[in-house]
């Protein structure tokens, strides 16, 4: 059975893994940006902006990712007359989906920063944007990093849904290999192992980042 793991099969699995990682990293970065914008919009004193941010967050948190991908791939081109390649559509869908959840993570993390930190920043003469960039966001990042790590790992696994819009990521690659070598047990065990290893590696990276960010606070508690 293990004879099915030929160099060609391993190379195909590696290409699928690269696509999966590309989807996850790009969607995480764009999702982080959208999440920051959404969180600030949700916390804004300007009513229409707060309403728009709320609609975005609740829409993409309240509907399945699979439905969102189908809408972007099949329905959006009919509405806008613009057709994106499958990979770009998947990045867009995953980014919008991740951004909605990330917005709530960032909002909760910002609210968890002691209010005295903002008051101290204002007392030092920092403008609101400066206080946000230099005082609030660094502390919010430390607070929200575990949740952001979970979000990244979840997005890594959710990227397999991109296969439904013909993105040849890891799962679709594996399905194609199964149709050739008729070894579903071996192939799906291999893809499960790959996802596990990727998730474990991501968890370790985020654990290291948590340790780095927590180091100054650990020193101050001694």
C-alpha atoms as a PDB file:
ATOM      1  CA  UNK A   1       0.000   0.000   0.000  1.00  0.00           C
ATOM      2  CA  UNK A   2       2.828   2.392   0.840  1.00  0.00           C
ATOM      3  CA  UNK A   3       4.146   1.880  -2.681  1.00  0.00           C
ATOM      4  CA  UNK A   4       1.494   4.425  -3.690  1.00  0.00           C
ATOM      5  CA  UNK A   5       3.586   7.156  -2.065  1.00  0.00           C
ATOM      6  CA  UNK A   6       5.719   7.634  -5.133  1.00  0.00           C
ATOM      7  CA  UNK A   7       7.877  10.742  -5.654  1.00  0.00           C
ATOM      8  CA  UNK A   8       5.202  12.072  -8.015  1.00  0.00           C
ATOM      9  CA  UNK A   9       2.493  11.643  -5.361  1.00  0.00           C
ATOM     10  CA  UNK A  10       4.644  13.282  -2.685  1.00  0.00           C
ATOM     11  CA  UNK A  11       5.403  16.155  -5.048  1.00  0.00           C
ATOM     12  CA  UNK A  12       1.671  16.622  -5.727  1.00  0.00           C
ATOM     13  CA  UNK A  13       0.925  16.629  -1.986  1.00  0.00           C
ATOM     14  CA  UNK A  14       3.655  19.216  -1.484  1.00  0.00           C
ATOM     15  CA  UNK A  15       2.174  21.457  -4.172  1.00  0.00           C
ATOM     16  CA  UNK A  16      -1.243  21.150  -2.548  1.00  0.00           C
ATOM     17  CA  UNK A  17       0.285  21.969   0.839  1.00  0.00           C
ATOM     18  CA  UNK A  18       1.893  25.098  -0.615  1.00  0.00           C
ATOM     19  CA  UNK A  19      -1.468  26.267  -1.962  1.00  0.00           C
ATOM     20  CA  UNK A  20      -3.110  25.590   1.418  1.00  0.00           C
ATOM     21  CA  UNK A  21      -0.415  27.549   3.238  1.00  0.00           C
ATOM     22  CA  UNK A  22      -0.667  30.380   0.718  1.00  0.00           C
ATOM     23  CA  UNK A  23      -4.433  30.600   1.200  1.00  0.00           C
ATOM     24  CA  UNK A  24      -4.102  30.539   4.986  1.00  0.00           C
ATOM     25  CA  UNK A  25      -1.321  33.114   5.263  1.00  0.00           C
ATOM     26  CA  UNK A  26      -2.879  35.569   2.803  1.00  0.00           C
ATOM     27  CA  UNK A  27      -6.352  35.230   4.328  1.00  0.00           C
ATOM     28  CA  UNK A  28      -4.898  35.665   7.819  1.00  0.00           C
ATOM     29  CA  UNK A  29      -3.056  38.851   6.864  1.00  0.00           C
ATOM     30  CA  UNK A  30      -6.000  40.397   5.020  1.00  0.00           C
ATOM     31  CA  UNK A  31      -8.351  39.144   7.723  1.00  0.00           C
ATOM     32  CA  UNK A  32      -6.211  40.814  10.382  1.00  0.00           C
ATOM     33  CA  UNK A  33      -6.396  44.110   8.492  1.00  0.00           C
ATOM     34  CA  UNK A  34     -10.157  43.794   7.991  1.00  0.00           C
ATOM     35  CA  UNK A  35     -10.534  42.771  11.615  1.00  0.00           C
ATOM     36  CA  UNK A  36      -8.693  45.848  12.837  1.00  0.00           C
ATOM     37  CA  UNK A  37     -10.837  48.098  10.647  1.00  0.00           C
ATOM     38  CA  UNK A  38     -13.994  46.282  11.730  1.00  0.00           C
ATOM     39  CA  UNK A  39     -13.088  46.470  15.425  1.00  0.00           C
ATOM     40  CA  UNK A  40     -12.347  50.187  15.271  1.00  0.00           C
ATOM     41  CA  UNK A  41     -15.568  50.723  13.322  1.00  0.00           C
ATOM     42  CA  UNK A  42     -17.549  48.745  15.902  1.00  0.00           C
ATOM     43  CA  UNK A  43     -16.055  50.891  18.676  1.00  0.00           C
ATOM     44  CA  UNK A  44     -16.506  54.178  16.809  1.00  0.00           C
ATOM     45  CA  UNK A  45     -18.721  56.930  18.157  1.00  0.00           C
ATOM     46  CA  UNK A  46     -19.889  57.631  14.611  1.00  0.00           C
ATOM     47  CA  UNK A  47     -23.205  55.804  14.306  1.00  0.00           C
ATOM     48  CA  UNK A  48     -23.234  54.927  10.560  1.00  0.00           C
ATOM     49  CA  UNK A  49     -19.684  53.568  10.736  1.00  0.00           C
ATOM     50  CA  UNK A  50     -20.566  51.503  13.789  1.00  0.00           C
ATOM     51  CA  UNK A  51     -23.644  50.193  11.973  1.00  0.00           C
ATOM     52  CA  UNK A  52     -21.680  49.245   8.833  1.00  0.00           C
ATOM     53  CA  UNK A  53     -19.065  47.427  10.895  1.00  0.00           C
ATOM     54  CA  UNK A  54     -21.806  45.585  12.755  1.00  0.00           C
ATOM     55  CA  UNK A  55     -23.527  44.509   9.532  1.00  0.00           C
ATOM     56  CA  UNK A  56     -20.253  43.189   8.112  1.00  0.00           C
ATOM     57  CA  UNK A  57     -19.327  41.285  11.264  1.00  0.00           C
ATOM     58  CA  UNK A  58     -22.740  39.755  11.871  1.00  0.00           C
ATOM     59  CA  UNK A  59     -23.225  38.835   8.203  1.00  0.00           C
ATOM     60  CA  UNK A  60     -19.985  36.915   7.870  1.00  0.00           C
ATOM     61  CA  UNK A  61     -20.185  35.373  11.333  1.00  0.00           C
ATOM     62  CA  UNK A  62     -23.807  34.392  10.851  1.00  0.00           C
ATOM     63  CA  UNK A  63     -23.534  32.583   7.512  1.00  0.00           C
ATOM     64  CA  UNK A  64     -21.546  29.425   6.643  1.00  0.00           C
ATOM     65  CA  UNK A  65     -18.195  29.892   4.947  1.00  0.00           C
ATOM     66  CA  UNK A  66     -19.238  27.396   2.278  1.00  0.00           C
ATOM     67  CA  UNK A  67     -22.235  29.553   1.333  1.00  0.00           C
ATOM     68  CA  UNK A  68     -20.013  32.635   1.212  1.00  0.00           C
ATOM     69  CA  UNK A  69     -17.558  30.926  -1.142  1.00  0.00           C
ATOM     70  CA  UNK A  70     -20.358  29.741  -3.430  1.00  0.00           C
ATOM     71  CA  UNK A  71     -21.828  33.254  -3.499  1.00  0.00           C
ATOM     72  CA  UNK A  72     -18.497  34.888  -4.345  1.00  0.00           C
ATOM     73  CA  UNK A  73     -17.666  32.311  -7.015  1.00  0.00           C
ATOM     74  CA  UNK A  74     -21.027  31.834  -8.723  1.00  0.00           C
ATOM     75  CA  UNK A  75     -23.296  34.765  -7.850  1.00  0.00           C
ATOM     76  CA  UNK A  76     -20.943  37.742  -7.550  1.00  0.00           C
ATOM     77  CA  UNK A  77     -19.716  37.515 -11.197  1.00  0.00           C
ATOM     78  CA  UNK A  78     -23.352  37.742 -12.369  1.00  0.00           C
ATOM     79  CA  UNK A  79     -23.897  40.854 -10.235  1.00  0.00           C
ATOM     80  CA  UNK A  80     -20.632  42.683 -10.931  1.00  0.00           C
ATOM     81  CA  UNK A  81     -19.732  41.158 -14.334  1.00  0.00           C
ATOM     82  CA  UNK A  82     -16.247  40.598 -12.887  1.00  0.00           C
ATOM     83  CA  UNK A  83     -14.924  37.055 -12.598  1.00  0.00           C
ATOM     84  CA  UNK A  84     -11.979  36.359 -10.300  1.00  0.00           C
ATOM     85  CA  UNK A  85      -9.755  33.291 -10.581  1.00  0.00           C
ATOM     86  CA  UNK A  86     -10.658  30.552  -8.093  1.00  0.00           C
ATOM     87  CA  UNK A  87      -7.588  31.166  -5.913  1.00  0.00           C
ATOM     88  CA  UNK A  88      -8.300  34.889  -5.614  1.00  0.00           C
ATOM     89  CA  UNK A  89     -11.952  34.181  -4.879  1.00  0.00           C
ATOM     90  CA  UNK A  90     -10.932  31.791  -2.105  1.00  0.00           C
ATOM     91  CA  UNK A  91      -8.539  34.354  -0.603  1.00  0.00           C
ATOM     92  CA  UNK A  92     -11.299  36.984  -0.708  1.00  0.00           C
ATOM     93  CA  UNK A  93     -13.861  34.683   0.901  1.00  0.00           C
ATOM     94  CA  UNK A  94     -11.537  33.403   3.597  1.00  0.00           C
ATOM     95  CA  UNK A  95     -10.322  36.940   4.344  1.00  0.00           C
ATOM     96  CA  UNK A  96     -13.840  38.307   4.765  1.00  0.00           C
ATOM     97  CA  UNK A  97     -14.768  35.342   6.933  1.00  0.00           C
ATOM     98  CA  UNK A  98     -11.634  35.619   9.075  1.00  0.00           C
ATOM     99  CA  UNK A  99     -11.938  39.405   9.330  1.00  0.00           C
ATOM    100  CA  UNK A 100     -15.370  39.174  10.947  1.00  0.00           C
ATOM    101  CA  UNK A 101     -14.112  36.910  13.723  1.00  0.00           C
ATOM    102  CA  UNK A 102     -10.833  38.777  14.071  1.00  0.00           C
ATOM    103  CA  UNK A 103     -12.736  42.040  14.543  1.00  0.00           C
ATOM    104  CA  UNK A 104     -14.418  40.663  17.654  1.00  0.00           C
ATOM    105  CA  UNK A 105     -11.114  39.291  18.958  1.00  0.00           C
ATOM    106  CA  UNK A 106      -9.452  42.690  18.535  1.00  0.00           C
ATOM    107  CA  UNK A 107     -12.427  44.566  19.999  1.00  0.00           C
ATOM    108  CA  UNK A 108     -12.461  42.330  23.054  1.00  0.00           C
ATOM    109  CA  UNK A 109      -8.689  42.659  23.457  1.00  0.00           C
ATOM    110  CA  UNK A 110      -8.825  46.459  23.227  1.00  0.00           C
ATOM    111  CA  UNK A 111     -11.613  46.547  25.801  1.00  0.00           C
ATOM    112  CA  UNK A 112      -9.501  44.350  28.088  1.00  0.00           C
ATOM    113  CA  UNK A 113      -6.673  46.913  28.194  1.00  0.00           C
ATOM    114  CA  UNK A 114      -7.023  48.882  31.468  1.00  0.00           C
ATOM    115  CA  UNK A 115      -8.601  52.246  30.817  1.00  0.00           C
ATOM    116  CA  UNK A 116      -5.845  53.893  32.822  1.00  0.00           C
ATOM    117  CA  UNK A 117      -3.446  53.145  29.973  1.00  0.00           C
ATOM    118  CA  UNK A 118      -5.430  55.389  27.623  1.00  0.00           C
ATOM    119  CA  UNK A 119      -5.750  58.096  30.253  1.00  0.00           C
ATOM    120  CA  UNK A 120      -1.990  57.987  30.857  1.00  0.00           C
ATOM    121  CA  UNK A 121      -1.339  58.266  27.122  1.00  0.00           C
ATOM    122  CA  UNK A 122      -3.590  61.298  26.892  1.00  0.00           C
ATOM    123  CA  UNK A 123      -1.872  62.841  29.902  1.00  0.00           C
ATOM    124  CA  UNK A 124       1.434  62.491  28.066  1.00  0.00           C
ATOM    125  CA  UNK A 125      -0.017  64.431  25.152  1.00  0.00           C
ATOM    126  CA  UNK A 126      -0.426  61.556  22.694  1.00  0.00           C
ATOM    127  CA  UNK A 127      -3.048  61.982  20.020  1.00  0.00           C
ATOM    128  CA  UNK A 128      -5.726  59.261  19.750  1.00  0.00           C
ATOM    129  CA  UNK A 129      -4.009  57.616  16.763  1.00  0.00           C
ATOM    130  CA  UNK A 130      -0.667  57.660  18.551  1.00  0.00           C
ATOM    131  CA  UNK A 131      -2.180  56.231  21.731  1.00  0.00           C
ATOM    132  CA  UNK A 132      -3.827  53.471  19.710  1.00  0.00           C
ATOM    133  CA  UNK A 133      -0.659  52.583  17.820  1.00  0.00           C
ATOM    134  CA  UNK A 134       1.881  52.888  20.628  1.00  0.00           C
ATOM    135  CA  UNK A 135      -0.065  52.027  23.779  1.00  0.00           C
ATOM    136  CA  UNK A 136      -3.326  50.168  23.166  1.00  0.00           C
ATOM    137  CA  UNK A 137      -2.582  47.880  20.203  1.00  0.00           C
ATOM    138  CA  UNK A 138       0.666  46.379  21.600  1.00  0.00           C
ATOM    139  CA  UNK A 139      -1.111  45.431  24.820  1.00  0.00           C
ATOM    140  CA  UNK A 140      -4.197  44.221  22.959  1.00  0.00           C
ATOM    141  CA  UNK A 141      -1.976  42.032  20.758  1.00  0.00           C
ATOM    142  CA  UNK A 142      -0.569  40.304  23.833  1.00  0.00           C
ATOM    143  CA  UNK A 143      -4.056  39.730  25.195  1.00  0.00           C
ATOM    144  CA  UNK A 144      -5.575  38.544  21.932  1.00  0.00           C
ATOM    145  CA  UNK A 145      -2.690  36.449  20.591  1.00  0.00           C
ATOM    146  CA  UNK A 146      -3.998  33.073  21.873  1.00  0.00           C
ATOM    147  CA  UNK A 147      -7.363  33.690  20.203  1.00  0.00           C
ATOM    148  CA  UNK A 148      -5.644  34.871  17.025  1.00  0.00           C
ATOM    149  CA  UNK A 149      -3.576  31.688  17.053  1.00  0.00           C
ATOM    150  CA  UNK A 150      -6.731  29.592  17.284  1.00  0.00           C
ATOM    151  CA  UNK A 151      -8.198  31.653  14.452  1.00  0.00           C
ATOM    152  CA  UNK A 152      -5.164  30.924  12.261  1.00  0.00           C
ATOM    153  CA  UNK A 153      -5.340  27.183  12.927  1.00  0.00           C
ATOM    154  CA  UNK A 154      -9.073  27.167  12.253  1.00  0.00           C
ATOM    155  CA  UNK A 155      -8.500  29.028   9.011  1.00  0.00           C
ATOM    156  CA  UNK A 156      -5.841  26.507   8.017  1.00  0.00           C
ATOM    157  CA  UNK A 157      -8.424  23.739   8.233  1.00  0.00           C
ATOM    158  CA  UNK A 158     -11.239  25.832   6.752  1.00  0.00           C
ATOM    159  CA  UNK A 159      -9.086  26.457   3.679  1.00  0.00           C
ATOM    160  CA  UNK A 160     -10.002  22.919   2.585  1.00  0.00           C
ATOM    161  CA  UNK A 161     -13.419  24.310   1.629  1.00  0.00           C
ATOM    162  CA  UNK A 162     -11.720  26.156  -1.216  1.00  0.00           C
ATOM    163  CA  UNK A 163     -11.744  22.824  -3.027  1.00  0.00           C
ATOM    164  CA  UNK A 164     -15.464  23.305  -3.773  1.00  0.00           C
ATOM    165  CA  UNK A 165     -14.604  26.227  -6.067  1.00  0.00           C
ATOM    166  CA  UNK A 166     -11.884  24.217  -7.846  1.00  0.00           C
ATOM    167  CA  UNK A 167      -8.853  25.549  -5.965  1.00  0.00           C
ATOM    168  CA  UNK A 168      -6.291  22.731  -6.091  1.00  0.00           C
ATOM    169  CA  UNK A 169      -5.309  22.958  -2.445  1.00  0.00           C
ATOM    170  CA  UNK A 170      -4.340  19.959  -0.350  1.00  0.00           C
ATOM    171  CA  UNK A 171      -7.742  18.274  -0.128  1.00  0.00           C
ATOM    172  CA  UNK A 172      -8.635  18.586  -3.820  1.00  0.00           C
ATOM    173  CA  UNK A 173      -5.150  17.394  -4.746  1.00  0.00           C
ATOM    174  CA  UNK A 174      -5.661  14.343  -2.547  1.00  0.00           C
ATOM    175  CA  UNK A 175      -9.047  13.598  -4.098  1.00  0.00           C
ATOM    176  CA  UNK A 176      -7.420  13.686  -7.512  1.00  0.00           C
ATOM    177  CA  UNK A 177      -4.695  11.284  -6.373  1.00  0.00           C
ATOM    178  CA  UNK A 178      -7.286   8.887  -4.947  1.00  0.00           C
ATOM    179  CA  UNK A 179      -9.077   8.805  -8.294  1.00  0.00           C
ATOM    180  CA  UNK A 180      -5.797   7.675  -9.868  1.00  0.00           C
ATOM    181  CA  UNK A 181      -4.257   5.222  -7.389  1.00  0.00           C
ATOM    182  CA  UNK A 182      -7.438   4.023  -5.619  1.00  0.00           C
ATOM    183  CA  UNK A 183      -5.788   4.238  -2.188  1.00  0.00           C
ATOM    184  CA  UNK A 184      -8.257   6.344  -0.164  1.00  0.00           C
ATOM    185  CA  UNK A 185      -7.121   5.057   3.246  1.00  0.00           C
ATOM    186  CA  UNK A 186      -3.477   5.913   2.650  1.00  0.00           C
ATOM    187  CA  UNK A 187      -4.132   9.207   0.886  1.00  0.00           C
ATOM    188  CA  UNK A 188      -6.616  10.612   3.384  1.00  0.00           C
ATOM    189  CA  UNK A 189      -4.477   9.398   6.300  1.00  0.00           C
ATOM    190  CA  UNK A 190      -1.557  11.263   4.719  1.00  0.00           C
ATOM    191  CA  UNK A 191      -3.556  14.463   4.232  1.00  0.00           C
ATOM    192  CA  UNK A 192      -4.854  14.241   7.805  1.00  0.00           C
ATOM    193  CA  UNK A 193      -1.288  13.895   9.057  1.00  0.00           C
ATOM    194  CA  UNK A 194      -0.198  16.906   7.003  1.00  0.00           C
ATOM    195  CA  UNK A 195      -2.988  19.062   8.447  1.00  0.00           C
ATOM    196  CA  UNK A 196      -2.088  17.875  11.946  1.00  0.00           C
ATOM    197  CA  UNK A 197       1.590  18.708  11.494  1.00  0.00           C
ATOM    198  CA  UNK A 198       0.790  22.132  10.051  1.00  0.00           C
ATOM    199  CA  UNK A 199      -1.614  22.887  12.906  1.00  0.00           C
ATOM    200  CA  UNK A 200       0.884  21.692  15.501  1.00  0.00           C
ATOM    201  CA  UNK A 201       3.655  23.804  13.976  1.00  0.00           C
ATOM    202  CA  UNK A 202       1.389  26.874  13.966  1.00  0.00           C
ATOM    203  CA  UNK A 203       0.447  26.259  17.601  1.00  0.00           C
ATOM    204  CA  UNK A 204       4.127  26.085  18.564  1.00  0.00           C
ATOM    205  CA  UNK A 205       4.921  29.310  16.704  1.00  0.00           C
ATOM    206  CA  UNK A 206       2.108  31.171  18.445  1.00  0.00           C
ATOM    207  CA  UNK A 207       3.170  29.724  21.805  1.00  0.00           C
ATOM    208  CA  UNK A 208       6.674  31.092  21.210  1.00  0.00           C
ATOM    209  CA  UNK A 209       5.243  34.485  20.263  1.00  0.00           C
ATOM    210  CA  UNK A 210       3.164  34.504  23.449  1.00  0.00           C
ATOM    211  CA  UNK A 211       6.305  33.806  25.458  1.00  0.00           C
ATOM    212  CA  UNK A 212       8.179  36.648  23.755  1.00  0.00           C
ATOM    213  CA  UNK A 213       5.362  39.150  24.308  1.00  0.00           C
ATOM    214  CA  UNK A 214       4.829  38.033  27.898  1.00  0.00           C
ATOM    215  CA  UNK A 215       8.512  38.259  28.845  1.00  0.00           C
ATOM    216  CA  UNK A 216       8.528  41.945  29.918  1.00  0.00           C
ATOM    217  CA  UNK A 217       5.415  41.381  32.032  1.00  0.00           C
ATOM    218  CA  UNK A 218       6.876  38.233  33.597  1.00  0.00           C
ATOM    219  CA  UNK A 219      10.008  40.219  34.532  1.00  0.00           C
ATOM    220  CA  UNK A 220       7.962  43.002  36.101  1.00  0.00           C
ATOM    221  CA  UNK A 221       6.039  40.493  38.266  1.00  0.00           C
ATOM    222  CA  UNK A 222       9.187  39.172  39.954  1.00  0.00           C
END
